[in-house]
Protein backbone atom coordinates (compact mmCIF):
# COMPACT_ATOMS: atom_id res chain seq x y z
CA MET A 1 31.46 143.03 92.20
CA THR A 2 32.15 146.32 90.46
CA GLN A 3 34.45 146.97 87.56
CA VAL A 4 36.16 150.34 87.77
CA SER A 5 38.00 152.48 85.22
CA VAL A 6 41.42 153.64 86.23
CA SER A 7 43.11 156.35 84.28
CA VAL A 8 46.64 157.38 85.14
CA PRO A 9 48.80 159.74 83.10
CA GLN A 10 51.77 157.69 81.85
CA ALA A 11 54.44 160.20 82.93
CA ALA A 12 52.93 160.64 86.35
CA ALA A 13 52.68 156.86 86.83
CA GLY A 14 56.29 156.38 85.85
CA ARG A 15 57.44 158.85 88.42
CA THR A 16 55.32 157.80 91.39
CA PRO A 17 57.59 155.89 93.86
CA TRP A 18 56.04 152.77 95.35
CA ARG A 19 57.12 149.93 97.61
CA ILE A 20 55.01 147.10 99.10
CA LYS A 21 55.80 144.09 101.25
CA VAL A 22 53.10 141.48 100.78
CA HIS A 23 51.80 138.17 102.06
CA ASN A 24 51.83 136.31 98.72
CA VAL A 25 49.55 133.32 98.38
CA GLU A 26 49.69 131.44 95.06
CA ALA A 27 48.86 128.20 93.32
CA CYS A 28 48.90 126.82 89.77
CA ASN A 29 48.16 123.79 87.60
CA CYS A 30 51.78 122.51 87.78
CA SER A 31 52.69 119.44 89.97
CA THR A 32 53.80 120.20 93.47
CA GLY A 33 57.38 120.96 92.41
CA CYS A 34 56.37 123.45 89.69
CA ASN A 35 58.68 122.93 86.71
CA CYS A 36 58.49 126.67 85.95
CA GLN A 37 60.70 127.32 88.89
CA PHE A 38 63.48 125.28 87.29
CA SER A 39 63.13 124.95 83.50
CA GLY A 40 60.77 127.90 83.05
CA TYR A 41 58.01 125.82 81.39
CA PRO A 42 54.88 124.49 83.09
CA ASP A 43 54.42 120.75 83.50
CA PRO A 44 51.21 120.54 81.47
CA GLY A 45 52.34 122.94 78.74
CA LYS A 46 49.92 125.68 79.73
CA CYS A 47 49.76 127.87 82.89
CA GLU A 48 46.58 128.44 84.91
CA ALA A 49 47.22 130.22 88.11
CA MET A 50 45.96 132.46 90.93
CA ILE A 51 48.00 134.83 92.98
CA GLY A 52 46.50 136.53 96.02
CA GLY A 53 48.02 138.94 98.44
CA GLU A 54 47.58 141.23 101.38
CA VAL A 55 49.88 144.23 101.73
CA ALA A 56 51.69 144.02 105.04
CA GLU A 57 53.22 147.52 104.61
CA GLY A 58 53.77 149.89 101.76
CA THR A 59 52.88 153.08 99.90
CA PHE A 60 52.23 154.40 96.43
CA GLY A 61 53.44 158.04 96.58
CA ASP A 62 51.61 159.32 99.73
CA VAL A 63 48.88 156.71 99.59
CA SER A 64 49.17 153.98 102.28
CA LEU A 65 48.38 150.55 100.98
CA ALA A 66 48.68 148.57 104.20
CA GLY A 67 45.96 145.95 104.56
CA ILE A 68 44.88 146.06 100.89
CA ARG A 69 43.98 142.69 99.34
CA TYR A 70 44.09 141.62 95.77
CA VAL A 71 43.81 138.49 93.55
CA ILE A 72 45.08 137.94 90.07
CA ALA A 73 43.58 135.00 88.07
CA ALA A 74 45.39 134.06 84.79
CA MET A 75 45.28 131.62 81.98
CA TYR A 76 48.24 131.33 79.58
CA PRO A 77 48.19 128.94 76.54
CA LYS A 78 51.89 128.20 77.11
CA ALA A 79 54.53 129.45 79.54
CA ILE A 80 54.00 132.90 81.02
CA HIS A 81 56.99 134.37 79.22
CA GLU A 82 55.53 133.22 75.93
CA GLY A 83 52.61 135.61 76.38
CA ASN A 84 49.04 135.94 75.28
CA GLY A 85 47.66 135.52 78.81
CA GLN A 86 44.10 136.16 79.86
CA VAL A 87 44.24 137.96 83.18
CA ALA A 88 41.70 139.24 85.67
CA LEU A 89 42.56 141.61 88.47
CA PHE A 90 40.47 141.80 91.62
CA ILE A 91 40.99 144.41 94.36
CA ASP A 92 39.27 144.32 97.79
CA ASP A 93 36.13 146.46 97.71
CA ARG A 94 37.14 147.89 101.14
CA ALA A 95 39.87 149.87 99.38
CA THR A 96 39.40 153.60 98.96
CA PRO A 97 39.29 154.94 95.33
CA ALA A 98 42.87 156.19 95.86
CA GLN A 99 44.09 152.80 97.07
CA ALA A 100 42.28 150.94 94.31
CA GLU A 101 43.80 153.19 91.67
CA ALA A 102 47.28 152.78 93.18
CA MET A 103 47.10 149.01 93.31
CA ALA A 104 45.71 148.85 89.72
CA THR A 105 48.54 151.10 88.46
CA ILE A 106 51.23 148.95 90.14
CA MET A 107 49.81 145.64 89.03
CA SER A 108 49.26 146.79 85.46
CA GLY A 109 52.93 147.58 85.22
CA ARG A 110 52.25 151.23 84.40
CA ALA A 111 54.16 152.44 87.50
CA GLY A 112 57.29 150.46 86.47
CA GLY A 113 59.12 148.12 88.88
CA MET A 114 59.41 144.38 89.01
CA PRO A 115 57.77 141.94 88.65
CA PHE A 116 54.77 143.73 87.16
CA GLU A 117 56.56 145.78 84.55
CA ALA A 118 57.81 142.56 82.93
CA LEU A 119 54.52 140.66 83.45
CA ALA A 120 52.61 143.44 81.63
CA GLY A 121 54.32 142.46 78.34
CA THR A 122 52.91 138.94 78.59
CA ILE A 123 49.27 139.90 78.97
CA GLY A 124 46.98 139.56 75.89
CA SER A 125 43.77 140.75 77.73
CA LEU A 126 43.39 142.28 81.12
CA ASP A 127 39.92 142.42 82.80
CA GLY A 128 39.73 144.82 85.73
CA PRO A 129 40.36 146.13 88.18
CA VAL A 130 37.28 144.52 89.57
CA LEU A 131 36.23 145.58 93.12
CA ALA A 132 35.14 142.47 94.95
CA PRO A 133 34.77 141.17 98.62
CA ILE A 134 38.00 139.30 99.03
CA GLU A 135 38.14 136.96 102.12
CA MET A 136 41.73 136.06 103.04
CA LYS A 137 43.44 134.16 105.74
CA VAL A 138 47.20 134.62 106.07
CA SER A 139 48.73 131.61 107.80
CA GLY A 140 51.94 130.47 106.09
CA THR A 141 51.34 127.33 103.99
CA LYS A 142 47.81 127.14 105.42
CA SER A 143 46.79 130.41 103.85
CA SER A 144 43.61 130.86 101.83
CA PHE A 145 41.50 133.36 99.88
CA ARG A 146 38.13 133.42 98.16
CA ILE A 147 35.74 135.64 96.33
CA PRO A 148 32.33 134.03 96.96
CA GLY A 149 30.90 132.56 93.81
CA VAL A 150 33.98 133.41 91.75
CA LEU A 151 37.22 131.82 92.94
CA GLU A 152 38.82 130.01 95.83
CA LEU A 153 42.22 128.87 96.93
CA THR A 154 43.07 126.93 100.12
CA GLN A 155 46.63 125.88 100.73
CA THR A 156 47.67 122.86 102.79
CA PRO A 157 51.18 121.72 103.79
CA ILE A 158 52.84 118.91 101.91
CA ARG A 159 52.91 115.70 103.92
CA ASP A 160 55.54 112.90 104.15
CA ALA A 161 54.47 109.88 102.21
CA VAL A 162 55.63 107.51 104.95
CA SER A 163 54.95 109.29 108.26
CA GLY A 164 52.11 111.53 107.17
CA GLN A 165 53.73 114.43 109.03
CA GLU A 166 53.83 117.90 107.57
CA LYS A 167 56.94 118.74 105.63
CA GLU A 168 58.66 122.11 105.42
CA VAL A 169 59.96 122.60 101.93
CA GLN A 170 61.44 125.81 100.40
CA ILE A 171 62.61 126.96 97.06
CA VAL A 172 65.42 129.51 97.50
CA TYR A 173 66.90 131.88 94.95
CA PRO A 174 70.17 133.01 96.62
CA LYS A 175 70.68 135.84 94.05
CA GLY A 176 67.00 136.81 94.06
CA GLY A 177 64.06 135.41 92.14
CA PHE A 178 61.65 136.92 89.69
CA PHE A 179 58.60 136.86 91.94
CA TRP A 180 60.06 135.99 95.35
CA ASP A 181 63.39 135.03 96.86
CA VAL A 182 62.16 132.34 99.25
CA GLY A 183 59.00 130.30 98.63
CA ASN A 184 57.45 128.07 101.28
CA ILE A 185 56.07 125.25 99.23
CA ALA A 186 52.67 123.75 99.85
CA THR A 187 49.93 122.17 97.77
CA SER A 188 46.32 123.22 97.02
CA ALA A 189 43.38 121.69 98.83
CA THR A 190 41.05 123.70 96.70
CA MET A 191 41.87 125.83 93.67
CA SER A 192 39.18 127.00 91.22
CA CYS A 193 38.14 130.02 89.26
CA GLU A 194 34.94 130.74 87.29
CA TYR A 195 35.09 134.26 85.95
CA GLY A 196 34.17 134.97 82.31
CA THR A 197 36.43 132.88 80.09
CA ILE A 198 38.90 132.35 82.91
CA ARG A 199 37.76 128.94 84.21
CA PHE A 200 39.83 126.20 85.84
CA ARG A 201 40.02 123.77 88.70
CA HIS A 202 43.34 122.34 89.90
CA PRO A 203 43.40 120.95 93.46
CA GLY A 204 46.49 119.02 94.48
CA GLY A 205 49.01 121.03 92.58
CA PHE A 206 51.79 123.57 93.29
CA ALA A 207 51.18 126.24 95.90
CA SER A 208 53.50 128.60 97.79
CA TYR A 209 53.54 131.23 100.42
CA SER A 210 56.11 134.05 100.49
CA THR A 211 56.68 137.54 101.74
CA PRO A 212 58.41 139.48 98.96
CA THR A 213 59.03 143.18 98.76
CA TRP A 214 58.35 144.81 95.33
CA THR A 215 59.18 148.30 94.30
CA ASN A 216 60.07 150.64 91.40
CA GLN A 217 62.89 152.12 93.50
CA SER A 218 66.49 151.05 93.60
């Protein structure tokens, strides 16, 4: 893994138009229903989460971001909106320097646009971007990603307690959600991170797969 330095003039970053549609794969330490989606506060009081993604299509200015992968690992002592989060940002080491810089600028919130502009205000410390070999499988609620020796998430569908059959469960925000509008809910077969002080292990909790579009354009 390689940590890189990204320096983007604030005015230029704010003017650069970007839009990405992603395969969003996430999990956290909440129970399968994730109380954050309803009351805004995590079940155990703190939030420990990983969010990985692969860009299906999108650009930052004239830089194509299609196919770029990333992972965010985070630990918050309370709810995310209460701040003071420890966050690490990993970007696929197959990305070109221009692509890595673009993704880091978007995800740090410096380019504006939701949800990252709002999330930036909740971060107490940000480590990265770290270039790393990100292995990712995009397959709905059976998606997974890993960085060997660092972190791993494997999603698995929720199963009916009586029949044992896979259940299709969605959380839908009809007027638009903060991170996604439609989340396909799963659970985590594996979910762990060991990176610096960001260390946790929470299999069997909340997980979701979604395909949001994020942008700084109206």
